[in-house]
Amino acid sequence: MTAAVNEAPKAKHTFQYLPLAQVTRARGSKKFYPTYGLQVIADGFELFRLNDVTMDMVMMVRMANMCNEGNLEPCHLYEVIDNFFGGE
């Protein structure tokens, strides 16, 4: 008979989503325009950035807040973006 092994539960990561303001140049043009993206942070370290997601700052801030409130796993981020900005 083997003894039960007490395994410590794996620590859950804390994710943070920060809106990024950027300036993007239209392809083939000299004109610049503001866009907004996300910086994704896990346990204080940047995982990645998504650039040029939308031109709507208010919507990007709302989506980032929603992701932060739900501690969204980054693997679901593209689905959330698609659902959130699907009408854009």
Protein backbone atom coordinates (compact mmCIF):
# COMPACT_ATOMS: atom_id res chain seq x y z
CA MET A 1 0.00 0.00 0.00
CA THR A 2 1.37 3.38 -0.95
CA ALA A 3 1.03 6.48 1.13
CA ALA A 4 -0.90 9.42 -0.28
CA VAL A 5 1.36 12.17 -1.48
CA ASN A 6 0.37 15.62 -0.38
CA GLU A 7 1.02 17.83 -3.35
CA ALA A 8 0.89 21.54 -2.90
CA PRO A 9 -1.53 23.19 -5.29
CA LYS A 10 0.17 24.96 -8.14
CA ALA A 11 0.35 28.70 -7.70
CA LYS A 12 -2.04 30.57 -9.94
CA HIS A 13 -0.47 33.34 -11.96
CA THR A 14 -1.75 36.87 -11.67
CA PHE A 15 -2.20 38.52 -15.04
CA GLN A 16 -2.46 42.22 -15.70
CA TYR A 17 -3.63 43.89 -18.90
CA LEU A 18 -2.52 47.46 -19.50
CA PRO A 19 -3.79 49.61 -22.38
CA LEU A 20 -1.04 51.01 -24.61
CA ALA A 21 -1.33 54.20 -26.63
CA GLN A 22 0.61 54.13 -29.86
CA VAL A 23 1.07 56.13 -33.02
CA THR A 24 0.73 54.11 -36.22
CA ARG A 25 1.46 55.12 -39.79
CA ALA A 26 -0.96 54.10 -42.48
CA ARG A 27 0.67 51.77 -44.99
CA GLY A 28 1.83 53.66 -48.06
CA SER A 29 1.09 57.01 -46.43
CA LYS A 30 2.91 59.68 -44.48
CA LYS A 31 -0.12 60.14 -42.24
CA PHE A 32 -0.01 58.96 -38.61
CA TYR A 33 -2.97 58.11 -36.39
CA PRO A 34 -3.42 56.99 -32.75
CA THR A 35 -4.08 53.33 -32.02
CA TYR A 36 -4.38 51.33 -28.81
CA GLY A 37 -3.12 47.93 -27.84
CA LEU A 38 -2.40 45.87 -24.73
CA GLN A 39 0.59 45.00 -22.64
CA VAL A 40 0.15 41.63 -20.95
CA ILE A 41 1.99 41.11 -17.66
CA ALA A 42 2.28 37.94 -15.57
CA ASP A 43 3.58 38.10 -12.03
CA GLY A 44 5.22 41.46 -12.72
CA PHE A 45 6.95 40.47 -15.98
CA GLU A 46 5.85 41.41 -19.49
CA LEU A 47 4.68 38.40 -21.47
CA PHE A 48 3.90 40.20 -24.71
CA ARG A 49 2.31 43.23 -26.34
CA LEU A 50 -0.49 43.44 -28.84
CA ASN A 51 -0.16 46.51 -31.02
CA ASP A 52 -2.73 48.36 -33.09
CA VAL A 53 -5.85 46.56 -31.81
CA THR A 54 -8.25 49.50 -32.08
CA MET A 55 -8.51 53.24 -32.55
CA ASP A 56 -11.05 53.50 -29.70
CA MET A 57 -9.25 54.30 -26.44
CA VAL A 58 -12.38 54.03 -24.27
CA MET A 59 -13.18 50.54 -25.56
CA MET A 60 -9.58 49.38 -25.04
CA VAL A 61 -9.60 50.61 -21.44
CA ARG A 62 -12.94 48.86 -20.83
CA MET A 63 -11.67 45.61 -22.31
CA ALA A 64 -8.43 45.77 -20.27
CA ASN A 65 -10.46 46.35 -17.09
CA MET A 66 -12.71 43.40 -17.91
CA CYS A 67 -9.67 41.15 -18.47
CA ASN A 68 -8.11 42.32 -15.20
CA GLU A 69 -11.30 41.78 -13.20
CA GLY A 70 -11.58 38.21 -14.46
CA ASN A 71 -7.82 37.50 -14.27
CA LEU A 72 -8.12 36.30 -17.87
CA GLU A 73 -5.67 33.64 -18.98
CA PRO A 74 -3.71 35.05 -21.95
CA CYS A 75 -4.56 32.00 -24.09
CA HIS A 76 -8.14 33.36 -24.24
CA LEU A 77 -7.19 36.93 -25.13
CA TYR A 78 -7.67 36.65 -28.89
CA GLU A 79 -11.18 35.26 -28.37
CA VAL A 80 -12.02 38.14 -26.04
CA ILE A 81 -10.69 40.69 -28.53
CA ASP A 82 -12.66 39.08 -31.33
CA ASN A 83 -15.87 39.11 -29.26
CA PHE A 84 -15.28 42.57 -27.81
CA PHE A 85 -14.37 44.33 -31.05
CA GLY A 86 -16.21 42.04 -33.46
CA GLY A 87 -18.46 44.82 -34.63
CA GLU A 88 -15.61 47.21 -35.37
